[in-house]
Amino acid sequence: MSKIKNDNNVGDMWKHFFKHERRHYNPYMVKLAEHPNHIIYDQEVMDSYKGKWNEFFKNEHPIYLEIGSGSGMFANDMCVRYPERNHMALEIRFK
């Protein structure tokens, strides 16, 4: 397990997921910080786009949401297959 609090790229990321700091975290949680343009985990950032997702995507395409996206492979394939759609995927597990 990774110690997120000691990772310079992650900082206080744990605050977005837990009420109290923990000693060890899922190592996949650290990878979230490697994709700031693709993964949004900050509630304040998500709320800022409420009702304005077209600004985020910079187009007027319809939004398709996949709930329970797992590894994201299916969602990624749908993005390639249907580029005229905006895709969002939701997964609660870090792996």
Protein backbone atom coordinates (compact mmCIF):
# COMPACT_ATOMS: atom_id res chain seq x y z
CA MET A 1 0.00 0.00 0.00
CA SER A 2 1.10 3.55 -0.65
CA LYS A 3 1.51 6.31 1.86
CA ILE A 4 -0.30 9.11 0.10
CA LYS A 5 0.55 11.79 2.61
CA ASN A 6 4.23 11.40 1.69
CA ASP A 7 3.63 11.59 -2.07
CA ASN A 8 4.38 15.09 -3.41
CA ASN A 9 2.06 14.61 -6.41
CA VAL A 10 -0.96 13.78 -4.28
CA GLY A 11 -0.77 15.99 -1.22
CA ASP A 12 -4.02 15.96 0.73
CA MET A 13 -6.00 13.92 -1.81
CA TRP A 14 -7.22 11.63 0.99
CA LYS A 15 -9.50 14.44 2.19
CA HIS A 16 -11.69 13.92 -0.88
CA PHE A 17 -12.40 10.30 0.08
CA PHE A 18 -12.05 9.89 3.84
CA LYS A 19 -12.99 11.82 6.97
CA HIS A 20 -9.66 11.09 8.64
CA GLU A 21 -6.17 10.54 7.31
CA ARG A 22 -5.11 6.91 7.16
CA ARG A 23 -1.74 5.29 7.35
CA HIS A 24 -2.09 3.23 4.16
CA TYR A 25 -4.15 3.71 1.03
CA ASN A 26 -4.99 1.73 -2.06
CA PRO A 27 -2.05 2.24 -4.45
CA TYR A 28 -4.44 2.93 -7.33
CA MET A 29 -5.68 6.02 -5.50
CA VAL A 30 -2.26 7.60 -6.08
CA LYS A 31 -2.69 7.11 -9.84
CA LEU A 32 -5.66 9.50 -9.86
CA ALA A 33 -3.27 12.43 -9.57
CA GLU A 34 -1.50 11.29 -12.75
CA HIS A 35 -4.60 12.13 -14.84
CA PRO A 36 -5.86 15.55 -13.72
CA ASN A 37 -7.45 16.30 -17.12
CA HIS A 38 -9.42 13.06 -17.21
CA ILE A 39 -10.33 12.18 -13.63
CA ILE A 40 -12.29 14.53 -11.38
CA TYR A 41 -12.55 13.50 -7.74
CA ASP A 42 -12.80 16.90 -6.08
CA GLN A 43 -16.42 17.64 -5.06
CA GLU A 44 -15.90 21.38 -5.42
CA VAL A 45 -14.65 20.98 -9.00
CA MET A 46 -17.52 18.64 -9.88
CA ASP A 47 -20.06 21.05 -8.39
CA SER A 48 -18.59 23.92 -10.41
CA TYR A 49 -19.60 22.09 -13.61
CA LYS A 50 -23.14 21.34 -12.45
CA GLY A 51 -25.41 22.27 -15.33
CA LYS A 52 -22.39 23.41 -17.35
CA TRP A 53 -20.84 20.14 -18.60
CA ASN A 54 -20.90 21.46 -22.16
CA GLU A 55 -18.36 24.05 -21.04
CA PHE A 56 -16.18 21.25 -19.67
CA PHE A 57 -16.43 19.24 -22.90
CA LYS A 58 -16.29 22.41 -25.04
CA ASN A 59 -19.14 21.22 -27.27
CA GLU A 60 -22.90 20.63 -27.29
CA HIS A 61 -22.81 16.85 -27.77
CA PRO A 62 -25.08 14.68 -25.61
CA ILE A 63 -23.56 13.21 -22.46
CA TYR A 64 -23.52 9.45 -21.91
CA LEU A 65 -22.81 8.15 -18.42
CA GLU A 66 -21.58 4.67 -17.63
CA ILE A 67 -22.12 3.68 -14.01
CA GLY A 68 -19.85 0.93 -12.72
CA SER A 69 -17.17 1.34 -15.36
CA GLY A 70 -14.69 -1.07 -13.76
CA SER A 71 -11.36 -0.80 -15.54
CA GLY A 72 -12.80 1.67 -18.05
CA MET A 73 -12.13 -0.50 -21.09
CA PHE A 74 -15.78 -0.53 -22.24
CA ALA A 75 -16.08 3.23 -21.67
CA ASN A 76 -12.87 3.81 -23.63
CA ASP A 77 -14.16 1.68 -26.51
CA MET A 78 -17.40 3.67 -26.55
CA CYS A 79 -15.41 6.92 -26.74
CA VAL A 80 -13.60 5.63 -29.79
CA ARG A 81 -16.73 4.20 -31.39
CA TYR A 82 -18.94 7.27 -30.74
CA PRO A 83 -16.79 10.44 -30.83
CA GLU A 84 -19.94 12.53 -31.40
CA ARG A 85 -20.94 11.83 -27.78
CA ASN A 86 -19.48 13.11 -24.53
CA HIS A 87 -18.68 10.20 -22.25
CA MET A 88 -18.45 10.05 -18.49
CA ALA A 89 -17.72 6.94 -16.46
CA LEU A 90 -18.29 6.42 -12.75
CA GLU A 91 -16.52 3.82 -10.63
CA ILE A 92 -16.26 3.71 -6.86
CA ARG A 93 -13.40 1.23 -6.70
CA PHE A 94 -9.87 2.42 -7.24
CA LYS A 95 -8.53 -0.58 -9.12
